[in-house]
Protein backbone atom coordinates (compact mmCIF):
# COMPACT_ATOMS: atom_id res chain seq x y z
CA UNK A 1 0.97 -22.42 -6.79
CA UNK A 2 4.62 -22.97 -7.55
CA UNK A 3 7.05 -20.89 -5.60
CA UNK A 4 9.17 -18.27 -7.51
CA UNK A 5 12.83 -18.36 -7.63
CA UNK A 6 14.49 -14.23 -7.58
CA UNK A 7 18.45 -13.92 -8.14
CA UNK A 8 19.75 -12.83 -5.10
CA UNK A 9 21.87 -10.34 -6.79
CA UNK A 10 19.38 -8.00 -7.75
CA UNK A 11 20.27 -4.59 -6.04
CA UNK A 12 16.65 -2.73 -5.26
CA UNK A 13 16.00 0.32 -3.61
CA UNK A 14 14.24 0.63 -1.03
CA UNK A 15 10.66 3.28 -1.41
CA UNK A 16 10.48 4.95 2.44
CA UNK A 17 8.55 7.87 1.02
CA UNK A 18 6.97 9.63 -1.96
CA UNK A 19 8.88 7.10 -4.10
CA UNK A 20 11.87 7.76 -2.68
CA UNK A 21 15.52 6.16 -0.35
CA UNK A 22 16.94 7.33 2.01
CA UNK A 23 19.62 8.51 0.47
CA UNK A 24 16.97 11.13 -1.61
CA UNK A 25 15.22 12.16 1.55
CA UNK A 26 18.58 13.31 3.15
CA UNK A 27 20.48 15.02 0.58
CA UNK A 28 17.29 16.97 0.19
CA UNK A 29 16.08 17.35 3.74
CA UNK A 30 20.08 18.17 3.27
CA UNK A 31 19.22 21.28 0.99
CA UNK A 32 16.48 22.58 3.08
CA UNK A 33 18.45 22.29 6.43
CA UNK A 34 20.48 24.33 4.80
CA UNK A 35 18.57 26.87 3.40
CA UNK A 36 16.43 27.79 6.56
CA UNK A 37 19.88 28.20 9.32
CA UNK A 38 20.85 30.29 6.24
CA UNK A 39 17.26 32.25 6.34
CA UNK A 40 17.76 32.47 9.96
CA UNK A 41 21.20 33.95 10.14
CA UNK A 42 20.72 36.59 7.37
CA UNK A 43 19.75 39.54 8.47
CA UNK A 44 18.43 41.16 4.80
CA UNK A 45 15.23 41.46 3.20
CA UNK A 46 13.21 38.31 2.98
CA UNK A 47 13.96 39.02 -1.15
CA UNK A 48 17.19 38.67 -0.36
CA UNK A 49 17.00 35.97 1.83
CA UNK A 50 15.09 33.80 -1.09
CA UNK A 51 17.42 34.70 -3.20
CA UNK A 52 20.05 33.46 -0.74
CA UNK A 53 18.29 29.45 0.29
CA UNK A 54 16.29 28.72 -3.03
CA UNK A 55 18.85 27.41 -4.58
CA UNK A 56 19.85 25.22 -1.67
CA UNK A 57 16.70 24.06 -1.67
CA UNK A 58 17.59 23.21 -5.84
CA UNK A 59 20.75 21.38 -5.45
CA UNK A 60 19.63 19.42 -2.43
CA UNK A 61 16.07 18.46 -5.18
CA UNK A 62 18.69 18.52 -7.69
CA UNK A 63 20.77 15.22 -5.74
CA UNK A 64 18.26 13.89 -4.35
CA UNK A 65 14.66 12.93 -6.35
CA UNK A 66 15.99 14.14 -8.91
CA UNK A 67 16.70 12.07 -12.40
CA UNK A 68 17.51 11.46 -15.89
CA UNK A 69 15.83 8.87 -17.39
CA UNK A 70 16.56 5.66 -14.37
CA UNK A 71 19.48 7.12 -12.65
CA UNK A 72 19.41 9.21 -10.13
CA UNK A 73 22.02 13.17 -10.97
CA UNK A 74 23.65 12.15 -8.42
CA UNK A 75 24.84 8.71 -10.06
CA UNK A 76 25.64 11.10 -13.40
CA UNK A 77 27.64 13.21 -11.30
CA UNK A 78 30.10 10.71 -9.94
CA UNK A 79 30.05 9.00 -13.28
CA UNK A 80 31.11 12.27 -14.74
CA UNK A 81 34.02 13.08 -12.02
CA UNK A 82 34.90 9.40 -12.90
CA UNK A 83 35.56 9.73 -16.42
CA UNK A 84 37.15 13.67 -15.70
CA UNK A 85 39.64 11.34 -13.08
CA UNK A 86 41.19 8.48 -15.16
CA UNK A 87 44.50 8.42 -15.48
CA UNK A 88 45.60 9.97 -19.88
CA UNK A 89 47.51 8.48 -21.83
CA UNK A 90 48.48 9.66 -25.09
CA UNK A 91 50.59 7.56 -27.74
CA UNK A 92 52.00 7.95 -30.39
CA UNK A 93 51.77 6.71 -34.09
CA UNK A 94 54.64 4.12 -33.64
CA UNK A 95 54.76 3.91 -29.94
CA UNK A 96 53.53 1.03 -28.08
CA UNK A 97 52.02 1.56 -25.39
CA UNK A 98 52.68 -0.54 -21.84
């Protein structure tokens, strides 16, 4: 059998657990830890605690393992922030662009 050459420029994500990479697990864990901290710190009823804590878990899940197509949601958000943060140049008719 002949050896197969693999290109060295390929970037493959390391899958650690449940199909998630390290950054996915860290972001999901951060959301869960924030929710647990909020749950313990709030001195309200269980329904109020869950109402406050579930969005933290949702944000952690959205930024971590959630994907749109082949890209993660956080990569889409980074691309949108880069697009919105770029400088704007208006060129009117007859003006030259530097």
